[in-house]
Amino acid sequence: MDEQYCQERSRFIPYAVKYANDKVGLRYPKGANLQEREAWYIEWNHTYFGRMDQLWEQWLQAKSKYEKKAQAAIDTVYRSEVWKHFERLAHRMQTTVEEMEQEEEQAVAV
């Protein structure tokens, strides 16, 4: 299993445990028979894993949104740098054309 996945997902365990405890209870009721305890375990596990999945999906959406924003920022900077490069290149070309025109004018004047 992917170590990063395990580390990221394990962050949500305390929140899911607290959620399940708040919704279902910390323990099965005192004096519960075997069937009632099993029902409590099933409900607690269902609540816990449902919350884990919910938190994980929210995390993935937030992470994806962040990554998209980061990529957009990188793209913006890249386009800006490329544009600056082309502006510098165009300026050099314009300067070269102007120098050539001046040289031609000087040659014709002589």
PDB file of N, CA and C in Angstrom:
ATOM      1  N   MET A   1       0.841  -1.179   0.000  1.00  0.00           N
ATOM      2  CA  MET A   1       0.000   0.000   0.000  1.00  0.00           C
ATOM      3  C   MET A   1       0.886   1.242   0.000  1.00  0.00           C
ATOM      4  N   ASP A   2       0.419   2.274  -0.645  1.00  0.00           N
ATOM      5  CA  ASP A   2       1.168   3.511  -0.774  1.00  0.00           C
ATOM      6  C   ASP A   2       1.335   4.179   0.596  1.00  0.00           C
ATOM      7  N   GLU A   3       2.574   4.482   0.947  1.00  0.00           N
ATOM      8  CA  GLU A   3       2.861   5.066   2.261  1.00  0.00           C
ATOM      9  C   GLU A   3       2.242   6.451   2.420  1.00  0.00           C
ATOM     10  N   GLN A   4       2.292   7.248   1.349  1.00  0.00           N
ATOM     11  CA  GLN A   4       1.716   8.592   1.425  1.00  0.00           C
ATOM     12  C   GLN A   4       0.210   8.515   1.645  1.00  0.00           C
ATOM     13  N   TYR A   5      -0.445   7.578   0.956  1.00  0.00           N
ATOM     14  CA  TYR A   5      -1.885   7.379   1.129  1.00  0.00           C
ATOM     15  C   TYR A   5      -2.193   7.045   2.585  1.00  0.00           C
ATOM     16  N   CYS A   6      -1.421   6.124   3.164  1.00  0.00           N
ATOM     17  CA  CYS A   6      -1.635   5.717   4.563  1.00  0.00           C
ATOM     18  C   CYS A   6      -1.442   6.896   5.512  1.00  0.00           C
ATOM     19  N   GLN A   7      -0.407   7.683   5.281  1.00  0.00           N
ATOM     20  CA  GLN A   7      -0.148   8.831   6.150  1.00  0.00           C
ATOM     21  C   GLN A   7      -1.253   9.868   6.037  1.00  0.00           C
ATOM     22  N   GLU A   8      -1.678  10.150   4.810  1.00  0.00           N
ATOM     23  CA  GLU A   8      -2.720  11.156   4.615  1.00  0.00           C
ATOM     24  C   GLU A   8      -4.044  10.687   5.215  1.00  0.00           C
ATOM     25  N   ARG A   9      -4.389   9.456   4.959  1.00  0.00           N
ATOM     26  CA  ARG A   9      -5.678   8.946   5.439  1.00  0.00           C
ATOM     27  C   ARG A   9      -5.685   8.783   6.961  1.00  0.00           C
ATOM     28  N   SER A  10      -4.556   8.424   7.551  1.00  0.00           N
ATOM     29  CA  SER A  10      -4.527   8.210   9.001  1.00  0.00           C
ATOM     30  C   SER A  10      -4.750   9.501   9.782  1.00  0.00           C
ATOM     31  N   ARG A  11      -4.548  10.634   9.142  1.00  0.00           N
ATOM     32  CA  ARG A  11      -4.815  11.919   9.810  1.00  0.00           C
ATOM     33  C   ARG A  11      -6.276  12.052  10.221  1.00  0.00           C
ATOM     34  N   PHE A  12      -7.151  11.364   9.505  1.00  0.00           N
ATOM     35  CA  PHE A  12      -8.583  11.519   9.734  1.00  0.00           C
ATOM     36  C   PHE A  12      -9.137  10.547  10.780  1.00  0.00           C
ATOM     37  N   ILE A  13      -8.326   9.618  11.235  1.00  0.00           N
ATOM     38  CA  ILE A  13      -8.803   8.606  12.183  1.00  0.00           C
ATOM     39  C   ILE A  13      -9.383   9.238  13.454  1.00  0.00           C
ATOM     40  N   PRO A  14      -8.663  10.152  14.123  1.00  0.00           N
ATOM     41  CA  PRO A  14      -9.236  10.711  15.360  1.00  0.00           C
ATOM     42  C   PRO A  14     -10.583  11.414  15.143  1.00  0.00           C
ATOM     43  N   TYR A  15     -10.732  12.073  14.001  1.00  0.00           N
ATOM     44  CA  TYR A  15     -11.977  12.780  13.711  1.00  0.00           C
ATOM     45  C   TYR A  15     -13.122  11.795  13.448  1.00  0.00           C
ATOM     46  N   ALA A  16     -12.809  10.725  12.750  1.00  0.00           N
ATOM     47  CA  ALA A  16     -13.829   9.717  12.460  1.00  0.00           C
ATOM     48  C   ALA A  16     -14.216   8.967  13.734  1.00  0.00           C
ATOM     49  N   VAL A  17     -13.246   8.679  14.595  1.00  0.00           N
ATOM     50  CA  VAL A  17     -13.540   8.004  15.870  1.00  0.00           C
ATOM     51  C   VAL A  17     -14.448   8.889  16.715  1.00  0.00           C
ATOM     52  N   LYS A  18     -14.111  10.159  16.827  1.00  0.00           N
ATOM     53  CA  LYS A  18     -14.925  11.082  17.625  1.00  0.00           C
ATOM     54  C   LYS A  18     -16.334  11.175  17.047  1.00  0.00           C
ATOM     55  N   TYR A  19     -16.426  11.259  15.734  1.00  0.00           N
ATOM     56  CA  TYR A  19     -17.735  11.345  15.081  1.00  0.00           C
ATOM     57  C   TYR A  19     -18.576  10.104  15.387  1.00  0.00           C
ATOM     58  N   ALA A  20     -17.978   8.917  15.241  1.00  0.00           N
ATOM     59  CA  ALA A  20     -18.699   7.674  15.506  1.00  0.00           C
ATOM     60  C   ALA A  20     -19.093   7.580  16.980  1.00  0.00           C
ATOM     61  N   ASN A  21     -18.189   7.962  17.870  1.00  0.00           N
ATOM     62  CA  ASN A  21     -18.509   7.941  19.302  1.00  0.00           C
ATOM     63  C   ASN A  21     -19.652   8.890  19.622  1.00  0.00           C
ATOM     64  N   ASP A  22     -19.634  10.078  19.016  1.00  0.00           N
ATOM     65  CA  ASP A  22     -20.706  11.050  19.256  1.00  0.00           C
ATOM     66  C   ASP A  22     -22.043  10.562  18.709  1.00  0.00           C
ATOM     67  N   LYS A  23     -22.022   9.895  17.559  1.00  0.00           N
ATOM     68  CA  LYS A  23     -23.261   9.447  16.921  1.00  0.00           C
ATOM     69  C   LYS A  23     -23.810   8.149  17.517  1.00  0.00           C
ATOM     70  N   VAL A  24     -22.927   7.196  17.788  1.00  0.00           N
ATOM     71  CA  VAL A  24     -23.359   5.854  18.175  1.00  0.00           C
ATOM     72  C   VAL A  24     -23.128   5.583  19.661  1.00  0.00           C
ATOM     73  N   GLY A  25     -22.129   6.254  20.210  1.00  0.00           N
ATOM     74  CA  GLY A  25     -21.793   6.021  21.606  1.00  0.00           C
ATOM     75  C   GLY A  25     -20.397   5.442  21.721  1.00  0.00           C
ATOM     76  N   LEU A  26     -19.817   5.669  22.894  1.00  0.00           N
ATOM     77  CA  LEU A  26     -18.451   5.205  23.122  1.00  0.00           C
ATOM     78  C   LEU A  26     -18.385   3.689  23.262  1.00  0.00           C
ATOM     79  N   ARG A  27     -19.418   3.110  23.833  1.00  0.00           N
ATOM     80  CA  ARG A  27     -19.503   1.656  24.018  1.00  0.00           C
ATOM     81  C   ARG A  27     -20.942   1.211  23.821  1.00  0.00           C
ATOM     82  N   TYR A  28     -21.092  -0.060  23.624  1.00  0.00           N
ATOM     83  CA  TYR A  28     -22.452  -0.593  23.549  1.00  0.00           C
ATOM     84  C   TYR A  28     -23.111  -0.452  24.924  1.00  0.00           C
ATOM     85  N   PRO A  29     -24.421  -0.408  24.958  1.00  0.00           N
ATOM     86  CA  PRO A  29     -25.127  -0.208  26.230  1.00  0.00           C
ATOM     87  C   PRO A  29     -24.838  -1.328  27.233  1.00  0.00           C
ATOM     88  N   LYS A  30     -24.775  -0.941  28.485  1.00  0.00           N
ATOM     89  CA  LYS A  30     -24.568  -1.950  29.546  1.00  0.00           C
ATOM     90  C   LYS A  30     -25.731  -2.931  29.537  1.00  0.00           C
ATOM     91  N   GLY A  31     -25.382  -4.159  29.770  1.00  0.00           N
ATOM     92  CA  GLY A  31     -26.400  -5.195  29.834  1.00  0.00           C
ATOM     93  C   GLY A  31     -26.890  -5.652  28.473  1.00  0.00           C
ATOM     94  N   ALA A  32     -26.231  -5.171  27.407  1.00  0.00           N
ATOM     95  CA  ALA A  32     -26.646  -5.560  26.055  1.00  0.00           C
ATOM     96  C   ALA A  32     -26.305  -7.024  25.826  1.00  0.00           C
ATOM     97  N   ASN A  33     -27.225  -7.721  25.163  1.00  0.00           N
ATOM     98  CA  ASN A  33     -26.937  -9.116  24.838  1.00  0.00           C
ATOM     99  C   ASN A  33     -26.046  -9.171  23.606  1.00  0.00           C
ATOM    100  N   LEU A  34     -25.667 -10.352  23.196  1.00  0.00           N
ATOM    101  CA  LEU A  34     -24.739 -10.535  22.078  1.00  0.00           C
ATOM    102  C   LEU A  34     -25.263  -9.895  20.792  1.00  0.00           C
ATOM    103  N   GLN A  35     -26.513 -10.072  20.510  1.00  0.00           N
ATOM    104  CA  GLN A  35     -27.111  -9.516  19.285  1.00  0.00           C
ATOM    105  C   GLN A  35     -27.092  -7.986  19.315  1.00  0.00           C
ATOM    106  N   GLU A  36     -27.389  -7.396  20.448  1.00  0.00           N
ATOM    107  CA  GLU A  36     -27.379  -5.938  20.583  1.00  0.00           C
ATOM    108  C   GLU A  36     -25.953  -5.384  20.467  1.00  0.00           C
ATOM    109  N   ARG A  37     -24.985  -6.103  21.036  1.00  0.00           N
ATOM    110  CA  ARG A  37     -23.586  -5.672  20.924  1.00  0.00           C
ATOM    111  C   ARG A  37     -23.118  -5.734  19.480  1.00  0.00           C
ATOM    112  N   GLU A  38     -23.475  -6.818  18.800  1.00  0.00           N
ATOM    113  CA  GLU A  38     -23.100  -6.944  17.384  1.00  0.00           C
ATOM    114  C   GLU A  38     -23.732  -5.830  16.554  1.00  0.00           C
ATOM    115  N   ALA A  39     -24.979  -5.519  16.849  1.00  0.00           N
ATOM    116  CA  ALA A  39     -25.657  -4.425  16.137  1.00  0.00           C
ATOM    117  C   ALA A  39     -24.949  -3.103  16.402  1.00  0.00           C
ATOM    118  N   TRP A  40     -24.511  -2.883  17.666  1.00  0.00           N
ATOM    119  CA  TRP A  40     -23.796  -1.656  17.990  1.00  0.00           C
ATOM    120  C   TRP A  40     -22.470  -1.588  17.230  1.00  0.00           C
ATOM    121  N   TYR A  41     -21.708  -2.694  17.226  1.00  0.00           N
ATOM    122  CA  TYR A  41     -20.439  -2.747  16.495  1.00  0.00           C
ATOM    123  C   TYR A  41     -20.642  -2.453  15.012  1.00  0.00           C
ATOM    124  N   ILE A  42     -21.663  -3.050  14.439  1.00  0.00           N
ATOM    125  CA  ILE A  42     -21.939  -2.824  13.008  1.00  0.00           C
ATOM    126  C   ILE A  42     -22.261  -1.355  12.754  1.00  0.00           C
ATOM    127  N   GLU A  43     -23.107  -0.772  13.595  1.00  0.00           N
ATOM    128  CA  GLU A  43     -23.473   0.637  13.412  1.00  0.00           C
ATOM    129  C   GLU A  43     -22.265   1.553  13.620  1.00  0.00           C
ATOM    130  N   TRP A  44     -21.457   1.254  14.663  1.00  0.00           N
ATOM    131  CA  TRP A  44     -20.282   2.080  14.921  1.00  0.00           C
ATOM    132  C   TRP A  44     -19.315   2.018  13.740  1.00  0.00           C
ATOM    133  N   ASN A  45     -19.020   0.810  13.258  1.00  0.00           N
ATOM    134  CA  ASN A  45     -18.109   0.637  12.124  1.00  0.00           C
ATOM    135  C   ASN A  45     -18.646   1.324  10.867  1.00  0.00           C
ATOM    136  N   HIS A  46     -19.927   1.175  10.632  1.00  0.00           N
ATOM    137  CA  HIS A  46     -20.542   1.818   9.460  1.00  0.00           C
ATOM    138  C   HIS A  46     -20.407   3.342   9.569  1.00  0.00           C
ATOM    139  N   THR A  47     -20.667   3.878  10.742  1.00  0.00           N
ATOM    140  CA  THR A  47     -20.562   5.322  10.965  1.00  0.00           C
ATOM    141  C   THR A  47     -19.114   5.785  10.832  1.00  0.00           C
ATOM    142  N   TYR A  48     -18.208   5.038  11.446  1.00  0.00           N
ATOM    143  CA  TYR A  48     -16.784   5.387  11.410  1.00  0.00           C
ATOM    144  C   TYR A  48     -16.262   5.383   9.971  1.00  0.00           C
ATOM    145  N   PHE A  49     -16.453   4.278   9.258  1.00  0.00           N
ATOM    146  CA  PHE A  49     -15.911   4.185   7.902  1.00  0.00           C
ATOM    147  C   PHE A  49     -16.627   5.116   6.929  1.00  0.00           C
ATOM    148  N   GLY A  50     -17.899   5.360   7.172  1.00  0.00           N
ATOM    149  CA  GLY A  50     -18.613   6.348   6.348  1.00  0.00           C
ATOM    150  C   GLY A  50     -18.004   7.729   6.503  1.00  0.00           C
ATOM    151  N   ARG A  51     -17.694   8.079   7.762  1.00  0.00           N
ATOM    152  CA  ARG A  51     -17.068   9.386   8.019  1.00  0.00           C
ATOM    153  C   ARG A  51     -15.656   9.438   7.445  1.00  0.00           C
ATOM    154  N   MET A  52     -14.897   8.350   7.588  1.00  0.00           N
ATOM    155  CA  MET A  52     -13.543   8.301   7.005  1.00  0.00           C
ATOM    156  C   MET A  52     -13.609   8.537   5.501  1.00  0.00           C
ATOM    157  N   ASP A  53     -14.539   7.869   4.832  1.00  0.00           N
ATOM    158  CA  ASP A  53     -14.676   8.036   3.377  1.00  0.00           C
ATOM    159  C   ASP A  53     -15.083   9.458   3.023  1.00  0.00           C
ATOM    160  N   GLN A  54     -15.980  10.026   3.822  1.00  0.00           N
ATOM    161  CA  GLN A  54     -16.423  11.401   3.585  1.00  0.00           C
ATOM    162  C   GLN A  54     -15.260  12.382   3.744  1.00  0.00           C
ATOM    163  N   LEU A  55     -14.503  12.231   4.825  1.00  0.00           N
ATOM    164  CA  LEU A  55     -13.349  13.109   5.060  1.00  0.00           C
ATOM    165  C   LEU A  55     -12.303  12.934   3.960  1.00  0.00           C
ATOM    166  N   TRP A  56     -12.096  11.703   3.532  1.00  0.00           N
ATOM    167  CA  TRP A  56     -11.119  11.426   2.485  1.00  0.00           C
ATOM    168  C   TRP A  56     -11.532  12.096   1.170  1.00  0.00           C
ATOM    169  N   GLU A  57     -12.805  11.988   0.822  1.00  0.00           N
ATOM    170  CA  GLU A  57     -13.286  12.624  -0.410  1.00  0.00           C
ATOM    171  C   GLU A  57     -13.131  14.135  -0.345  1.00  0.00           C
ATOM    172  N   GLN A  58     -13.455  14.722   0.811  1.00  0.00           N
ATOM    173  CA  GLN A  58     -13.279  16.168   0.981  1.00  0.00           C
ATOM    174  C   GLN A  58     -11.808  16.548   0.837  1.00  0.00           C
ATOM    175  N   TRP A  59     -10.939  15.734   1.396  1.00  0.00           N
ATOM    176  CA  TRP A  59      -9.498  15.975   1.308  1.00  0.00           C
ATOM    177  C   TRP A  59      -9.041  15.923  -0.145  1.00  0.00           C
ATOM    178  N   LEU A  60      -9.481  14.901  -0.871  1.00  0.00           N
ATOM    179  CA  LEU A  60      -9.075  14.767  -2.270  1.00  0.00           C
ATOM    180  C   LEU A  60      -9.562  15.939  -3.107  1.00  0.00           C
ATOM    181  N   GLN A  61     -10.788  16.390  -2.852  1.00  0.00           N
ATOM    182  CA  GLN A  61     -11.317  17.538  -3.589  1.00  0.00           C
ATOM    183  C   GLN A  61     -10.512  18.793  -3.278  1.00  0.00           C
ATOM    184  N   ALA A  62     -10.220  19.006  -2.001  1.00  0.00           N
ATOM    185  CA  ALA A  62      -9.440  20.190  -1.615  1.00  0.00           C
ATOM    186  C   ALA A  62      -8.030  20.113  -2.198  1.00  0.00           C
ATOM    187  N   LYS A  63      -7.441  18.928  -2.143  1.00  0.00           N
ATOM    188  CA  LYS A  63      -6.093  18.734  -2.674  1.00  0.00           C
ATOM    189  C   LYS A  63      -6.076  18.971  -4.178  1.00  0.00           C
ATOM    190  N   SER A  64      -7.073  18.457  -4.870  1.00  0.00           N
ATOM    191  CA  SER A  64      -7.164  18.647  -6.318  1.00  0.00           C
ATOM    192  C   SER A  64      -7.334  20.123  -6.663  1.00  0.00           C
ATOM    193  N   LYS A  65      -8.183  20.791  -5.891  1.00  0.00           N
ATOM    194  CA  LYS A  65      -8.404  22.223  -6.117  1.00  0.00           C
ATOM    195  C   LYS A  65      -7.101  22.999  -5.911  1.00  0.00           C
ATOM    196  N   TYR A  66      -6.371  22.665  -4.856  1.00  0.00           N
ATOM    197  CA  TYR A  66      -5.096  23.322  -4.573  1.00  0.00           C
ATOM    198  C   TYR A  66      -4.100  23.049  -5.694  1.00  0.00           C
ATOM    199  N   GLU A  67      -4.032  21.783  -6.120  1.00  0.00           N
ATOM    200  CA  GLU A  67      -3.085  21.427  -7.182  1.00  0.00           C
ATOM    201  C   GLU A  67      -3.435  22.148  -8.479  1.00  0.00           C
ATOM    202  N   LYS A  68      -4.721  22.279  -8.775  1.00  0.00           N
ATOM    203  CA  LYS A  68      -5.136  23.006  -9.983  1.00  0.00           C
ATOM    204  C   LYS A  68      -4.749  24.475  -9.885  1.00  0.00           C
ATOM    205  N   LYS A  69      -4.957  25.066  -8.692  1.00  0.00           N
ATOM    206  CA  LYS A  69      -4.580  26.473  -8.503  1.00  0.00           C
ATOM    207  C   LYS A  69      -3.071  26.636  -8.615  1.00  0.00           C
ATOM    208  N   ALA A  70      -2.334  25.699  -8.041  1.00  0.00           N
ATOM    209  CA  ALA A  70      -0.872  25.763  -8.113  1.00  0.00           C
ATOM    210  C   ALA A  70      -0.414  25.636  -9.557  1.00  0.00           C
ATOM    211  N   GLN A  71      -1.018  24.712 -10.302  1.00  0.00           N
ATOM    212  CA  GLN A  71      -0.639  24.537 -11.704  1.00  0.00           C
ATOM    213  C   GLN A  71      -0.999  25.778 -12.516  1.00  0.00           C
ATOM    214  N   ALA A  72      -2.154  26.367 -12.216  1.00  0.00           N
ATOM    215  CA  ALA A  72      -2.546  27.596 -12.917  1.00  0.00           C
ATOM    216  C   ALA A  72      -1.552  28.718 -12.624  1.00  0.00           C
ATOM    217  N   ALA A  73      -1.100  28.803 -11.381  1.00  0.00           N
ATOM    218  CA  ALA A  73      -0.111  29.822 -11.028  1.00  0.00           C
ATOM    219  C   ALA A  73       1.203  29.575 -11.752  1.00  0.00           C
ATOM    220  N   ILE A  74       1.606  28.323 -11.799  1.00  0.00           N
ATOM    221  CA  ILE A  74       2.836  27.974 -12.528  1.00  0.00           C
ATOM    222  C   ILE A  74       2.688  28.324 -14.003  1.00  0.00           C
ATOM    223  N   ASP A  75       1.538  27.992 -14.584  1.00  0.00           N
ATOM    224  CA  ASP A  75       1.294  28.299 -15.993  1.00  0.00           C
ATOM    225  C   ASP A  75       1.320  29.797 -16.241  1.00  0.00           C
ATOM    226  N   THR A  76       0.736  30.562 -15.325  1.00  0.00           N
ATOM    227  CA  THR A  76       0.711  32.017 -15.469  1.00  0.00           C
ATOM    228  C   THR A  76       2.137  32.571 -15.441  1.00  0.00           C
ATOM    229  N   VAL A  77       2.914  32.108 -14.493  1.00  0.00           N
ATOM    230  CA  VAL A  77       4.306  32.567 -14.401  1.00  0.00           C
ATOM    231  C   VAL A  77       5.064  32.168 -15.661  1.00  0.00           C
ATOM    232  N   TYR A  78       4.867  30.928 -16.101  1.00  0.00           N
ATOM    233  CA  TYR A  78       5.554  30.448 -17.303  1.00  0.00           C
ATOM    234  C   TYR A  78       5.174  31.308 -18.506  1.00  0.00           C
ATOM    235  N   ARG A  79       3.867  31.535 -18.686  1.00  0.00           N
ATOM    236  CA  ARG A  79       3.430  32.364 -19.827  1.00  0.00           C
ATOM    237  C   ARG A  79       3.987  33.769 -19.711  1.00  0.00           C
ATOM    238  N   SER A  80       4.016  34.297 -18.492  1.00  0.00           N
ATOM    239  CA  SER A  80       4.559  35.630 -18.273  1.00  0.00           C
ATOM    240  C   SER A  80       6.037  35.677 -18.645  1.00  0.00           C
ATOM    241  N   GLU A  81       6.789  34.669 -18.228  1.00  0.00           N
ATOM    242  CA  GLU A  81       8.217  34.624 -18.547  1.00  0.00           C
ATOM    243  C   GLU A  81       8.438  34.449 -20.044  1.00  0.00           C
ATOM    244  N   VAL A  82       7.629  33.598 -20.670  1.00  0.00           N
ATOM    245  CA  VAL A  82       7.749  33.407 -22.120  1.00  0.00           C
ATOM    246  C   VAL A  82       7.426  34.716 -22.827  1.00  0.00           C
ATOM    247  N   TRP A  83       6.364  35.390 -22.367  1.00  0.00           N
ATOM    248  CA  TRP A  83       5.986  36.669 -22.988  1.00  0.00           C
ATOM    249  C   TRP A  83       7.107  37.701 -22.823  1.00  0.00           C
ATOM    250  N   LYS A  84       7.691  37.755 -21.624  1.00  0.00           N
ATOM    251  CA  LYS A  84       8.799  38.689 -21.399  1.00  0.00           C
ATOM    252  C   LYS A  84       9.962  38.374 -22.337  1.00  0.00           C
ATOM    253  N   HIS A  85      10.232  37.088 -22.524  1.00  0.00           N
ATOM    254  CA  HIS A  85      11.299  36.673 -23.428  1.00  0.00           C
ATOM    255  C   HIS A  85      11.013  37.168 -24.846  1.00  0.00           C
ATOM    256  N   PHE A  86       9.780  36.984 -25.306  1.00  0.00           N
ATOM    257  CA  PHE A  86       9.424  37.439 -26.650  1.00  0.00           C
ATOM    258  C   PHE A  86       9.466  38.953 -26.758  1.00  0.00           C
ATOM    259  N   GLU A  87       9.074  39.654 -25.708  1.00  0.00           N
ATOM    260  CA  GLU A  87       9.157  41.114 -25.727  1.00  0.00           C
ATOM    261  C   GLU A  87      10.613  41.568 -25.844  1.00  0.00           C
ATOM    262  N   ARG A  88      11.509  40.914 -25.072  1.00  0.00           N
ATOM    263  CA  ARG A  88      12.932  41.265 -25.152  1.00  0.00           C
ATOM    264  C   ARG A  88      13.473  40.964 -26.546  1.00  0.00           C
ATOM    265  N   LEU A  89      13.079  39.828 -27.083  1.00  0.00           N
ATOM    266  CA  LEU A  89      13.519  39.442 -28.423  1.00  0.00           C
ATOM    267  C   LEU A  89      13.010  40.439 -29.461  1.00  0.00           C
ATOM    268  N   ALA A  90      11.745  40.820 -29.353  1.00  0.00           N
ATOM    269  CA  ALA A  90      11.183  41.796 -30.296  1.00  0.00           C
ATOM    270  C   ALA A  90      11.887  43.138 -30.159  1.00  0.00           C
ATOM    271  N   HIS A  91      12.201  43.523 -28.934  1.00  0.00           N
ATOM    272  CA  HIS A  91      12.912  44.786 -28.726  1.00  0.00           C
ATOM    273  C   HIS A  91      14.299  44.739 -29.376  1.00  0.00           C
ATOM    274  N   ARG A  92      14.997  43.610 -29.191  1.00  0.00           N
ATOM    275  CA  ARG A  92      16.322  43.467 -29.815  1.00  0.00           C
ATOM    276  C   ARG A  92      16.207  43.526 -31.338  1.00  0.00           C
ATOM    277  N   MET A  93      15.180  42.865 -31.870  1.00  0.00           N
ATOM    278  CA  MET A  93      15.006  42.874 -33.332  1.00  0.00           C
ATOM    279  C   MET A  93      14.713  44.286 -33.813  1.00  0.00           C
ATOM    280  N   GLN A  94      13.858  45.009 -33.080  1.00  0.00           N
ATOM    281  CA  GLN A  94      13.539  46.381 -33.454  1.00  0.00           C
ATOM    282  C   GLN A  94      14.788  47.248 -33.399  1.00  0.00           C
ATOM    283  N   THR A  95      15.580  47.068 -32.346  1.00  0.00           N
ATOM    284  CA  THR A  95      16.824  47.821 -32.211  1.00  0.00           C
ATOM    285  C   THR A  95      17.756  47.508 -33.377  1.00  0.00           C
ATOM    286  N   THR A  96      17.843  46.252 -33.748  1.00  0.00           N
ATOM    287  CA  THR A  96      18.701  45.853 -34.865  1.00  0.00           C
ATOM    288  C   THR A  96      18.212  46.470 -36.164  1.00  0.00           C
ATOM    289  N   VAL A  97      16.912  46.478 -36.390  1.00  0.00           N
ATOM    290  CA  VAL A  97      16.341  47.075 -37.610  1.00  0.00           C
ATOM    291  C   VAL A  97      16.644  48.568 -37.627  1.00  0.00           C
ATOM    292  N   GLU A  98      16.460  49.244 -36.514  1.00  0.00           N
ATOM    293  CA  GLU A  98      16.733  50.674 -36.449  1.00  0.00           C
ATOM    294  C   GLU A  98      18.215  50.957 -36.715  1.00  0.00           C
ATOM    295  N   GLU A  99      19.107  50.121 -36.169  1.00  0.00           N
ATOM    296  CA  GLU A  99      20.538  50.297 -36.413  1.00  0.00           C
ATOM    297  C   GLU A  99      20.855  50.104 -37.887  1.00  0.00           C
ATOM    298  N   MET A 100      20.224  49.092 -38.499  1.00  0.00           N
ATOM    299  CA  MET A 100      20.458  48.845 -39.926  1.00  0.00           C
ATOM    300  C   MET A 100      19.964  50.022 -40.762  1.00  0.00           C
ATOM    301  N   GLU A 101      18.817  50.583 -40.411  1.00  0.00           N
ATOM    302  CA  GLU A 101      18.286  51.732 -41.154  1.00  0.00           C
ATOM    303  C   GLU A 101      19.205  52.932 -41.015  1.00  0.00           C
ATOM    304  N   GLN A 102      19.743  53.144 -39.804  1.00  0.00           N
ATOM    305  CA  GLN A 102      20.659  54.254 -39.585  1.00  0.00           C
ATOM    306  C   GLN A 102      21.936  54.061 -40.399  1.00  0.00           C
ATOM    307  N   GLU A 103      22.446  52.840 -40.447  1.00  0.00           N
ATOM    308  CA  GLU A 103      23.648  52.551 -41.230  1.00  0.00           C
ATOM    309  C   GLU A 103      23.385  52.819 -42.712  1.00  0.00           C
ATOM    310  N   GLU A 104      22.202  52.441 -43.197  1.00  0.00           N
ATOM    311  CA  GLU A 104      21.861  52.688 -44.595  1.00  0.00           C
ATOM    312  C   GLU A 104      21.785  54.177 -44.878  1.00  0.00           C
ATOM    313  N   GLU A 105      21.168  54.922 -43.959  1.00  0.00           N
ATOM    314  CA  GLU A 105      21.074  56.373 -44.145  1.00  0.00           C
ATOM    315  C   GLU A 105      22.452  57.017 -44.163  1.00  0.00           C
ATOM    316  N   GLN A 106      23.332  56.546 -43.297  1.00  0.00           N
ATOM    317  CA  GLN A 106      24.692  57.085 -43.256  1.00  0.00           C
ATOM    318  C   GLN A 106      25.447  56.733 -44.540  1.00  0.00           C
ATOM    319  N   ALA A 107      25.246  55.533 -45.045  1.00  0.00           N
ATOM    320  CA  ALA A 107      25.931  55.122 -46.284  1.00  0.00           C
ATOM    321  C   ALA A 107      25.439  55.930 -47.465  1.00  0.00           C
ATOM    322  N   VAL A 108      24.147  56.216 -47.497  1.00  0.00           N
ATOM    323  CA  VAL A 108      23.587  56.994 -48.605  1.00  0.00           C
ATOM    324  C   VAL A 108      24.066  58.439 -48.511  1.00  0.00           C
ATOM    325  N   ALA A 109      24.207  58.963 -47.293  1.00  0.00           N
ATOM    326  CA  ALA A 109      24.650  60.347 -47.107  1.00  0.00           C
ATOM    327  C   ALA A 109      26.101  60.540 -47.502  1.00  0.00           C
ATOM    328  N   VAL A 110      26.871  59.504 -47.466  1.00  0.00           N
ATOM    329  CA  VAL A 110      28.298  59.626 -47.783  1.00  0.00           C
ATOM    330  C   VAL A 110      28.531  59.608 -49.238  1.00  0.00           C
TER     331      VAL A 110
END
